[in-house]
Amino acid sequence: MVRLSSIMRNYELVLVLRPSLKEADRKKIVDTIKGWIGVLKITKEDDMGTKVLSYPIKKESSAVYLSLQLEGENVPLDLEKRIMANDNIIRHLLLRTK
């Protein structure tokens, strides 16, 4: 019998960052988020670069996209609250892929 708590799930976290951020600041944000995700393992990290937005978000017409593939049991409960509190992250999407 398999315990439900031991099931590994896959997640994808997509971050949309302000384009005015310097590379060092972007790295600092990603490192902070890595600390927030705790026991989840990052299986893939993809910097998709700067893209033009379809419509302005928080007065920005373009943004830097980052994608993190995560693996683990559960996402920390306060992760999305912490992400939304950061002004340099203008949008995010957290999906459970498996």
PDB file of N, CA and C in Angstrom:
ATOM      1  N   MET A   1       0.834  -1.179   0.000  1.00  0.00           N
ATOM      2  CA  MET A   1       0.000   0.000   0.000  1.00  0.00           C
ATOM      3  C   MET A   1       0.887   1.253   0.000  1.00  0.00           C
ATOM      4  N   VAL A   2       0.540   2.226  -0.808  1.00  0.00           N
ATOM      5  CA  VAL A   2       1.320   3.458  -0.933  1.00  0.00           C
ATOM      6  C   VAL A   2       0.709   4.532  -0.047  1.00  0.00           C
ATOM      7  N   ARG A   3       1.563   5.150   0.754  1.00  0.00           N
ATOM      8  CA  ARG A   3       1.092   6.268   1.575  1.00  0.00           C
ATOM      9  C   ARG A   3       0.954   7.505   0.706  1.00  0.00           C
ATOM     10  N   LEU A   4      -0.105   8.270   0.920  1.00  0.00           N
ATOM     11  CA  LEU A   4      -0.331   9.468   0.117  1.00  0.00           C
ATOM     12  C   LEU A   4       0.749  10.520   0.330  1.00  0.00           C
ATOM     13  N   SER A   5       1.307  10.600   1.511  1.00  0.00           N
ATOM     14  CA  SER A   5       2.304  11.636   1.794  1.00  0.00           C
ATOM     15  C   SER A   5       3.642  11.365   1.097  1.00  0.00           C
ATOM     16  N   SER A   6       3.857  10.128   0.624  1.00  0.00           N
ATOM     17  CA  SER A   6       5.131   9.818  -0.015  1.00  0.00           C
ATOM     18  C   SER A   6       5.088   9.958  -1.536  1.00  0.00           C
ATOM     19  N   ILE A   7       3.966  10.402  -2.070  1.00  0.00           N
ATOM     20  CA  ILE A   7       3.838  10.561  -3.518  1.00  0.00           C
ATOM     21  C   ILE A   7       4.559  11.837  -3.949  1.00  0.00           C
ATOM     22  N   MET A   8       5.451  11.698  -4.922  1.00  0.00           N
ATOM     23  CA  MET A   8       6.166  12.860  -5.449  1.00  0.00           C
ATOM     24  C   MET A   8       5.326  13.487  -6.554  1.00  0.00           C
ATOM     25  N   ARG A   9       5.141  14.778  -6.465  1.00  0.00           N
ATOM     26  CA  ARG A   9       4.369  15.509  -7.467  1.00  0.00           C
ATOM     27  C   ARG A   9       5.310  16.442  -8.219  1.00  0.00           C
ATOM     28  N   ASN A  10       4.930  16.758  -9.447  1.00  0.00           N
ATOM     29  CA  ASN A  10       5.695  17.700 -10.261  1.00  0.00           C
ATOM     30  C   ASN A  10       4.909  18.995 -10.381  1.00  0.00           C
ATOM     31  N   TYR A  11       5.625  20.104 -10.265  1.00  0.00           N
ATOM     32  CA  TYR A  11       5.025  21.425 -10.361  1.00  0.00           C
ATOM     33  C   TYR A  11       5.831  22.258 -11.352  1.00  0.00           C
ATOM     34  N   GLU A  12       5.177  23.263 -11.917  1.00  0.00           N
ATOM     35  CA  GLU A  12       5.872  24.251 -12.736  1.00  0.00           C
ATOM     36  C   GLU A  12       5.517  25.623 -12.196  1.00  0.00           C
ATOM     37  N   LEU A  13       6.538  26.417 -11.928  1.00  0.00           N
ATOM     38  CA  LEU A  13       6.363  27.783 -11.453  1.00  0.00           C
ATOM     39  C   LEU A  13       6.915  28.719 -12.518  1.00  0.00           C
ATOM     40  N   VAL A  14       6.041  29.565 -13.065  1.00  0.00           N
ATOM     41  CA  VAL A  14       6.455  30.551 -14.064  1.00  0.00           C
ATOM     42  C   VAL A  14       6.372  31.920 -13.410  1.00  0.00           C
ATOM     43  N   LEU A  15       7.461  32.654 -13.486  1.00  0.00           N
ATOM     44  CA  LEU A  15       7.536  33.998 -12.913  1.00  0.00           C
ATOM     45  C   LEU A  15       7.673  35.022 -14.026  1.00  0.00           C
ATOM     46  N   VAL A  16       6.945  36.113 -13.901  1.00  0.00           N
ATOM     47  CA  VAL A  16       7.027  37.220 -14.846  1.00  0.00           C
ATOM     48  C   VAL A  16       7.589  38.406 -14.066  1.00  0.00           C
ATOM     49  N   LEU A  17       8.818  38.780 -14.398  1.00  0.00           N
ATOM     50  CA  LEU A  17       9.546  39.812 -13.650  1.00  0.00           C
ATOM     51  C   LEU A  17       9.618  41.120 -14.422  1.00  0.00           C
ATOM     52  N   ARG A  18       9.784  42.190 -13.685  1.00  0.00           N
ATOM     53  CA  ARG A  18       9.956  43.512 -14.317  1.00  0.00           C
ATOM     54  C   ARG A  18      11.204  43.509 -15.201  1.00  0.00           C
ATOM     55  N   PRO A  19      11.122  44.096 -16.394  1.00  0.00           N
ATOM     56  CA  PRO A  19      12.279  44.095 -17.296  1.00  0.00           C
ATOM     57  C   PRO A  19      13.383  45.045 -16.854  1.00  0.00           C
ATOM     58  N   SER A  20      13.071  45.981 -15.980  1.00  0.00           N
ATOM     59  CA  SER A  20      14.069  46.963 -15.541  1.00  0.00           C
ATOM     60  C   SER A  20      15.045  46.389 -14.509  1.00  0.00           C
ATOM     61  N   LEU A  21      14.805  45.173 -14.042  1.00  0.00           N
ATOM     62  CA  LEU A  21      15.698  44.558 -13.057  1.00  0.00           C
ATOM     63  C   LEU A  21      17.045  44.216 -13.677  1.00  0.00           C
ATOM     64  N   LYS A  22      18.089  44.451 -12.924  1.00  0.00           N
ATOM     65  CA  LYS A  22      19.422  44.053 -13.368  1.00  0.00           C
ATOM     66  C   LYS A  22      19.572  42.543 -13.165  1.00  0.00           C
ATOM     67  N   GLU A  23      20.538  41.945 -13.834  1.00  0.00           N
ATOM     68  CA  GLU A  23      20.775  40.498 -13.751  1.00  0.00           C
ATOM     69  C   GLU A  23      21.016  40.051 -12.307  1.00  0.00           C
ATOM     70  N   ALA A  24      21.760  40.833 -11.554  1.00  0.00           N
ATOM     71  CA  ALA A  24      22.046  40.482 -10.158  1.00  0.00           C
ATOM     72  C   ALA A  24      20.771  40.468  -9.319  1.00  0.00           C
ATOM     73  N   ASP A  25      19.880  41.430  -9.587  1.00  0.00           N
ATOM     74  CA  ASP A  25      18.621  41.480  -8.843  1.00  0.00           C
ATOM     75  C   ASP A  25      17.724  40.296  -9.196  1.00  0.00           C
ATOM     76  N   ARG A  26      17.715  39.905 -10.477  1.00  0.00           N
ATOM     77  CA  ARG A  26      16.939  38.728 -10.897  1.00  0.00           C
ATOM     78  C   ARG A  26      17.447  37.477 -10.204  1.00  0.00           C
ATOM     79  N   LYS A  27      18.765  37.341 -10.148  1.00  0.00           N
ATOM     80  CA  LYS A  27      19.363  36.172  -9.499  1.00  0.00           C
ATOM     81  C   LYS A  27      19.020  36.158  -8.009  1.00  0.00           C
ATOM     82  N   LYS A  28      19.010  37.329  -7.398  1.00  0.00           N
ATOM     83  CA  LYS A  28      18.671  37.442  -5.985  1.00  0.00           C
ATOM     84  C   LYS A  28      17.218  37.010  -5.741  1.00  0.00           C
ATOM     85  N   ILE A  29      16.309  37.402  -6.623  1.00  0.00           N
ATOM     86  CA  ILE A  29      14.901  37.010  -6.500  1.00  0.00           C
ATOM     87  C   ILE A  29      14.754  35.501  -6.639  1.00  0.00           C
ATOM     88  N   VAL A  30      15.436  34.920  -7.617  1.00  0.00           N
ATOM     89  CA  VAL A  30      15.361  33.469  -7.831  1.00  0.00           C
ATOM     90  C   VAL A  30      15.937  32.732  -6.621  1.00  0.00           C
ATOM     91  N   ASP A  31      17.044  33.211  -6.073  1.00  0.00           N
ATOM     92  CA  ASP A  31      17.627  32.586  -4.887  1.00  0.00           C
ATOM     93  C   ASP A  31      16.684  32.676  -3.688  1.00  0.00           C
ATOM     94  N   THR A  32      15.995  33.806  -3.561  1.00  0.00           N
ATOM     95  CA  THR A  32      15.027  33.974  -2.480  1.00  0.00           C
ATOM     96  C   THR A  32      13.883  32.974  -2.628  1.00  0.00           C
ATOM     97  N   ILE A  33      13.383  32.821  -3.842  1.00  0.00           N
ATOM     98  CA  ILE A  33      12.284  31.887  -4.095  1.00  0.00           C
ATOM     99  C   ILE A  33      12.743  30.450  -3.857  1.00  0.00           C
ATOM    100  N   LYS A  34      13.972  30.141  -4.214  1.00  0.00           N
ATOM    101  CA  LYS A  34      14.508  28.803  -3.932  1.00  0.00           C
ATOM    102  C   LYS A  34      14.508  28.534  -2.439  1.00  0.00           C
ATOM    103  N   GLY A  35      14.771  29.542  -1.641  1.00  0.00           N
ATOM    104  CA  GLY A  35      14.703  29.389  -0.192  1.00  0.00           C
ATOM    105  C   GLY A  35      13.270  29.180   0.289  1.00  0.00           C
ATOM    106  N   TRP A  36      12.314  29.843  -0.362  1.00  0.00           N
ATOM    107  CA  TRP A  36      10.911  29.723   0.023  1.00  0.00           C
ATOM    108  C   TRP A  36      10.346  28.338  -0.292  1.00  0.00           C
ATOM    109  N   ILE A  37      10.810  27.717  -1.378  1.00  0.00           N
ATOM    110  CA  ILE A  37      10.210  26.433  -1.770  1.00  0.00           C
ATOM    111  C   ILE A  37      10.677  25.290  -0.891  1.00  0.00           C
ATOM    112  N   GLY A  38      11.705  25.529  -0.094  1.00  0.00           N
ATOM    113  CA  GLY A  38      12.113  24.570   0.924  1.00  0.00           C
ATOM    114  C   GLY A  38      12.546  23.222   0.393  1.00  0.00           C
ATOM    115  N   VAL A  39      11.789  22.191   0.731  1.00  0.00           N
ATOM    116  CA  VAL A  39      12.198  20.814   0.441  1.00  0.00           C
ATOM    117  C   VAL A  39      11.931  20.390  -1.004  1.00  0.00           C
ATOM    118  N   LEU A  40      11.248  21.201  -1.785  1.00  0.00           N
ATOM    119  CA  LEU A  40      11.022  20.849  -3.186  1.00  0.00           C
ATOM    120  C   LEU A  40      12.339  20.881  -3.949  1.00  0.00           C
ATOM    121  N   LYS A  41      12.513  19.929  -4.839  1.00  0.00           N
ATOM    122  CA  LYS A  41      13.733  19.833  -5.638  1.00  0.00           C
ATOM    123  C   LYS A  41      13.494  20.523  -6.988  1.00  0.00           C
ATOM    124  N   ILE A  42      14.424  21.371  -7.398  1.00  0.00           N
ATOM    125  CA  ILE A  42      14.325  22.032  -8.704  1.00  0.00           C
ATOM    126  C   ILE A  42      14.956  21.104  -9.735  1.00  0.00           C
ATOM    127  N   THR A  43      14.141  20.611 -10.659  1.00  0.00           N
ATOM    128  CA  THR A  43      14.642  19.689 -11.673  1.00  0.00           C
ATOM    129  C   THR A  43      15.102  20.415 -12.927  1.00  0.00           C
ATOM    130  N   LYS A  44      14.520  21.595 -13.190  1.00  0.00           N
ATOM    131  CA  LYS A  44      14.912  22.358 -14.375  1.00  0.00           C
ATOM    132  C   LYS A  44      14.625  23.829 -14.123  1.00  0.00           C
ATOM    133  N   GLU A  45      15.567  24.660 -14.558  1.00  0.00           N
ATOM    134  CA  GLU A  45      15.418  26.114 -14.447  1.00  0.00           C
ATOM    135  C   GLU A  45      15.638  26.700 -15.829  1.00  0.00           C
ATOM    136  N   ASP A  46      14.671  27.477 -16.305  1.00  0.00           N
ATOM    137  CA  ASP A  46      14.738  27.991 -17.673  1.00  0.00           C
ATOM    138  C   ASP A  46      14.483  29.491 -17.679  1.00  0.00           C
ATOM    139  N   ASP A  47      15.458  30.263 -18.161  1.00  0.00           N
ATOM    140  CA  ASP A  47      15.298  31.702 -18.348  1.00  0.00           C
ATOM    141  C   ASP A  47      14.828  31.904 -19.783  1.00  0.00           C
ATOM    142  N   MET A  48      13.565  32.258 -19.944  1.00  0.00           N
ATOM    143  CA  MET A  48      12.985  32.405 -21.280  1.00  0.00           C
ATOM    144  C   MET A  48      13.244  33.767 -21.897  1.00  0.00           C
ATOM    145  N   GLY A  49      13.840  34.665 -21.143  1.00  0.00           N
ATOM    146  CA  GLY A  49      14.214  35.960 -21.674  1.00  0.00           C
ATOM    147  C   GLY A  49      13.091  36.987 -21.602  1.00  0.00           C
ATOM    148  N   THR A  50      13.335  38.114 -22.269  1.00  0.00           N
ATOM    149  CA  THR A  50      12.376  39.213 -22.274  1.00  0.00           C
ATOM    150  C   THR A  50      11.396  39.038 -23.421  1.00  0.00           C
ATOM    151  N   LYS A  51      10.117  39.209 -23.108  1.00  0.00           N
ATOM    152  CA  LYS A  51       9.071  39.093 -24.113  1.00  0.00           C
ATOM    153  C   LYS A  51       8.134  40.281 -23.982  1.00  0.00           C
ATOM    154  N   VAL A  52       7.530  40.664 -25.110  1.00  0.00           N
ATOM    155  CA  VAL A  52       6.548  41.743 -25.122  1.00  0.00           C
ATOM    156  C   VAL A  52       5.229  41.187 -24.600  1.00  0.00           C
ATOM    157  N   LEU A  53       4.592  41.926 -23.707  1.00  0.00           N
ATOM    158  CA  LEU A  53       3.314  41.504 -23.138  1.00  0.00           C
ATOM    159  C   LEU A  53       2.168  41.868 -24.078  1.00  0.00           C
ATOM    160  N   SER A  54       1.112  41.089 -24.074  1.00  0.00           N
ATOM    161  CA  SER A  54      -0.060  41.366 -24.910  1.00  0.00           C
ATOM    162  C   SER A  54      -0.777  42.631 -24.470  1.00  0.00           C
ATOM    163  N   TYR A  55      -0.727  42.900 -23.182  1.00  0.00           N
ATOM    164  CA  TYR A  55      -1.330  44.098 -22.629  1.00  0.00           C
ATOM    165  C   TYR A  55      -0.479  44.534 -21.431  1.00  0.00           C
ATOM    166  N   PRO A  56      -0.487  45.817 -21.100  1.00  0.00           N
ATOM    167  CA  PRO A  56       0.343  46.297 -19.988  1.00  0.00           C
ATOM    168  C   PRO A  56      -0.082  45.676 -18.655  1.00  0.00           C
ATOM    169  N   ILE A  57       0.891  45.275 -17.870  1.00  0.00           N
ATOM    170  CA  ILE A  57       0.659  44.765 -16.524  1.00  0.00           C
ATOM    171  C   ILE A  57       1.483  45.629 -15.583  1.00  0.00           C
ATOM    172  N   LYS A  58       0.824  46.271 -14.643  1.00  0.00           N
ATOM    173  CA  LYS A  58       1.486  47.178 -13.702  1.00  0.00           C
ATOM    174  C   LYS A  58       2.380  48.182 -14.430  1.00  0.00           C
ATOM    175  N   LYS A  59       1.841  48.725 -15.511  1.00  0.00           N
ATOM    176  CA  LYS A  59       2.484  49.753 -16.343  1.00  0.00           C
ATOM    177  C   LYS A  59       3.732  49.260 -17.075  1.00  0.00           C
ATOM    178  N   GLU A  60       3.896  47.963 -17.224  1.00  0.00           N
ATOM    179  CA  GLU A  60       5.033  47.380 -17.961  1.00  0.00           C
ATOM    180  C   GLU A  60       4.520  46.810 -19.283  1.00  0.00           C
ATOM    181  N   SER A  61       5.239  47.075 -20.376  1.00  0.00           N
ATOM    182  CA  SER A  61       4.823  46.545 -21.683  1.00  0.00           C
ATOM    183  C   SER A  61       5.620  45.300 -22.084  1.00  0.00           C
ATOM    184  N   SER A  62       6.692  45.005 -21.352  1.00  0.00           N
ATOM    185  CA  SER A  62       7.460  43.783 -21.584  1.00  0.00           C
ATOM    186  C   SER A  62       7.872  43.229 -20.220  1.00  0.00           C
ATOM    187  N   ALA A  63       8.328  41.970 -20.232  1.00  0.00           N
ATOM    188  CA  ALA A  63       8.701  41.338 -18.962  1.00  0.00           C
ATOM    189  C   ALA A  63       9.699  40.212 -19.218  1.00  0.00           C
ATOM    190  N   VAL A  64      10.389  39.816 -18.168  1.00  0.00           N
ATOM    191  CA  VAL A  64      11.336  38.700 -18.209  1.00  0.00           C
ATOM    192  C   VAL A  64      10.618  37.476 -17.646  1.00  0.00           C
ATOM    193  N   TYR A  65      10.651  36.385 -18.402  1.00  0.00           N
ATOM    194  CA  TYR A  65       9.981  35.150 -17.998  1.00  0.00           C
ATOM    195  C   TYR A  65      11.007  34.146 -17.476  1.00  0.00           C
ATOM    196  N   LEU A  66      10.692  33.533 -16.336  1.00  0.00           N
ATOM    197  CA  LEU A  66      11.501  32.468 -15.760  1.00  0.00           C
ATOM    198  C   LEU A  66      10.595  31.289 -15.452  1.00  0.00           C
ATOM    199  N   SER A  67      11.090  30.088 -15.706  1.00  0.00           N
ATOM    200  CA  SER A  67      10.318  28.880 -15.425  1.00  0.00           C
ATOM    201  C   SER A  67      11.143  27.950 -14.542  1.00  0.00           C
ATOM    202  N   LEU A  68      10.503  27.422 -13.497  1.00  0.00           N
ATOM    203  CA  LEU A  68      11.143  26.461 -12.602  1.00  0.00           C
ATOM    204  C   LEU A  68      10.305  25.189 -12.581  1.00  0.00           C
ATOM    205  N   GLN A  69      10.927  24.055 -12.885  1.00  0.00           N
ATOM    206  CA  GLN A  69      10.265  22.759 -12.754  1.00  0.00           C
ATOM    207  C   GLN A  69      10.611  22.238 -11.364  1.00  0.00           C
ATOM    208  N   LEU A  70       9.597  21.890 -10.577  1.00  0.00           N
ATOM    209  CA  LEU A  70       9.790  21.476  -9.197  1.00  0.00           C
ATOM    210  C   LEU A  70       9.276  20.060  -8.991  1.00  0.00           C
ATOM    211  N   GLU A  71       9.864  19.366  -8.040  1.00  0.00           N
ATOM    212  CA  GLU A  71       9.426  18.021  -7.696  1.00  0.00           C
ATOM    213  C   GLU A  71       9.433  17.873  -6.183  1.00  0.00           C
ATOM    214  N   GLY A  72       8.346  17.347  -5.645  1.00  0.00           N
ATOM    215  CA  GLY A  72       8.273  17.145  -4.205  1.00  0.00           C
ATOM    216  C   GLY A  72       6.874  16.758  -3.787  1.00  0.00           C
ATOM    217  N   GLU A  73       6.670  16.691  -2.490  1.00  0.00           N
ATOM    218  CA  GLU A  73       5.376  16.262  -1.977  1.00  0.00           C
ATOM    219  C   GLU A  73       4.357  17.387  -1.993  1.00  0.00           C
ATOM    220  N   ASN A  74       4.659  18.501  -1.362  1.00  0.00           N
ATOM    221  CA  ASN A  74       3.717  19.616  -1.277  1.00  0.00           C
ATOM    222  C   ASN A  74       4.441  20.947  -1.413  1.00  0.00           C
ATOM    223  N   VAL A  75       3.733  21.920  -1.975  1.00  0.00           N
ATOM    224  CA  VAL A  75       4.238  23.282  -2.069  1.00  0.00           C
ATOM    225  C   VAL A  75       3.969  23.958  -0.721  1.00  0.00           C
ATOM    226  N   PRO A  76       4.911  24.727  -0.194  1.00  0.00           N
ATOM    227  CA  PRO A  76       4.654  25.442   1.063  1.00  0.00           C
ATOM    228  C   PRO A  76       3.394  26.304   0.955  1.00  0.00           C
ATOM    229  N   LEU A  77       2.608  26.328   2.008  1.00  0.00           N
ATOM    230  CA  LEU A  77       1.317  27.014   1.986  1.00  0.00           C
ATOM    231  C   LEU A  77       1.431  28.512   1.733  1.00  0.00           C
ATOM    232  N   ASP A  78       2.492  29.145   2.211  1.00  0.00           N
ATOM    233  CA  ASP A  78       2.620  30.594   2.067  1.00  0.00           C
ATOM    234  C   ASP A  78       3.441  31.016   0.850  1.00  0.00           C
ATOM    235  N   LEU A  79       3.767  30.097  -0.044  1.00  0.00           N
ATOM    236  CA  LEU A  79       4.619  30.428  -1.195  1.00  0.00           C
ATOM    237  C   LEU A  79       3.972  31.483  -2.080  1.00  0.00           C
ATOM    238  N   GLU A  80       2.729  31.272  -2.469  1.00  0.00           N
ATOM    239  CA  GLU A  80       2.087  32.230  -3.370  1.00  0.00           C
ATOM    240  C   GLU A  80       1.881  33.596  -2.696  1.00  0.00           C
ATOM    241  N   LYS A  81       1.608  33.605  -1.412  1.00  0.00           N
ATOM    242  CA  LYS A  81       1.447  34.869  -0.693  1.00  0.00           C
ATOM    243  C   LYS A  81       2.754  35.655  -0.708  1.00  0.00           C
ATOM    244  N   ARG A  82       3.871  34.949  -0.503  1.00  0.00           N
ATOM    245  CA  ARG A  82       5.185  35.607  -0.532  1.00  0.00           C
ATOM    246  C   ARG A  82       5.513  36.121  -1.929  1.00  0.00           C
ATOM    247  N   ILE A  83       5.183  35.328  -2.953  1.00  0.00           N
ATOM    248  CA  ILE A  83       5.449  35.761  -4.337  1.00  0.00           C
ATOM    249  C   ILE A  83       4.643  37.016  -4.656  1.00  0.00           C
ATOM    250  N   MET A  84       3.374  37.039  -4.274  1.00  0.00           N
ATOM    251  CA  MET A  84       2.525  38.204  -4.568  1.00  0.00           C
ATOM    252  C   MET A  84       2.971  39.448  -3.813  1.00  0.00           C
ATOM    253  N   ALA A  85       3.652  39.271  -2.684  1.00  0.00           N
ATOM    254  CA  ALA A  85       4.117  40.418  -1.899  1.00  0.00           C
ATOM    255  C   ALA A  85       5.348  41.081  -2.515  1.00  0.00           C
ATOM    256  N   ASN A  86       6.040  40.392  -3.423  1.00  0.00           N
ATOM    257  CA  ASN A  86       7.235  40.941  -4.053  1.00  0.00           C
ATOM    258  C   ASN A  86       6.822  41.820  -5.240  1.00  0.00           C
ATOM    259  N   ASP A  87       7.157  43.104  -5.199  1.00  0.00           N
ATOM    260  CA  ASP A  87       6.752  44.050  -6.241  1.00  0.00           C
ATOM    261  C   ASP A  87       7.467  43.832  -7.568  1.00  0.00           C
ATOM    262  N   ASN A  88       8.606  43.168  -7.564  1.00  0.00           N
ATOM    263  CA  ASN A  88       9.346  42.939  -8.806  1.00  0.00           C
ATOM    264  C   ASN A  88       8.793  41.768  -9.615  1.00  0.00           C
ATOM    265  N   ILE A  89       7.948  40.951  -9.012  1.00  0.00           N
ATOM    266  CA  ILE A  89       7.274  39.865  -9.718  1.00  0.00           C
ATOM    267  C   ILE A  89       5.889  40.381 -10.079  1.00  0.00           C
ATOM    268  N   ILE A  90       5.661  40.629 -11.387  1.00  0.00           N
ATOM    269  CA  ILE A  90       4.388  41.231 -11.777  1.00  0.00           C
ATOM    270  C   ILE A  90       3.296  40.187 -12.015  1.00  0.00           C
ATOM    271  N   ARG A  91       3.664  38.944 -12.294  1.00  0.00           N
ATOM    272  CA  ARG A  91       2.710  37.844 -12.427  1.00  0.00           C
ATOM    273  C   ARG A  91       3.434  36.538 -12.107  1.00  0.00           C
ATOM    274  N   HIS A  92       2.652  35.529 -11.750  1.00  0.00           N
ATOM    275  CA  HIS A  92       3.215  34.190 -11.540  1.00  0.00           C
ATOM    276  C   HIS A  92       2.137  33.159 -11.856  1.00  0.00           C
ATOM    277  N   LEU A  93       2.577  31.950 -12.117  1.00  0.00           N
ATOM    278  CA  LEU A  93       1.662  30.843 -12.355  1.00  0.00           C
ATOM    279  C   LEU A  93       2.289  29.604 -11.754  1.00  0.00           C
ATOM    280  N   LEU A  94       1.558  28.950 -10.866  1.00  0.00           N
ATOM    281  CA  LEU A  94       2.021  27.722 -10.233  1.00  0.00           C
ATOM    282  C   LEU A  94       1.055  26.613 -10.608  1.00  0.00           C
ATOM    283  N   LEU A  95       1.558  25.607 -11.339  1.00  0.00           N
ATOM    284  CA  LEU A  95       0.729  24.497 -11.802  1.00  0.00           C
ATOM    285  C   LEU A  95       1.260  23.176 -11.284  1.00  0.00           C
ATOM    286  N   ARG A  96       0.364  22.282 -10.955  1.00  0.00           N
ATOM    287  CA  ARG A  96       0.776  20.907 -10.657  1.00  0.00           C
ATOM    288  C   ARG A  96       0.672  20.148 -11.966  1.00  0.00           C
ATOM    289  N   THR A  97       1.794  19.648 -12.464  1.00  0.00           N
ATOM    290  CA  THR A  97       1.812  18.998 -13.773  1.00  0.00           C
ATOM    291  C   THR A  97       1.577  17.511 -13.676  1.00  0.00           C
ATOM    292  N   LYS A  98       1.914  16.876 -12.556  1.00  0.00           N
ATOM    293  CA  LYS A  98       1.655  15.454 -12.362  1.00  0.00           C
ATOM    294  C   LYS A  98       1.312  15.188 -10.932  1.00  0.00           C
TER     295      LYS A  98
END
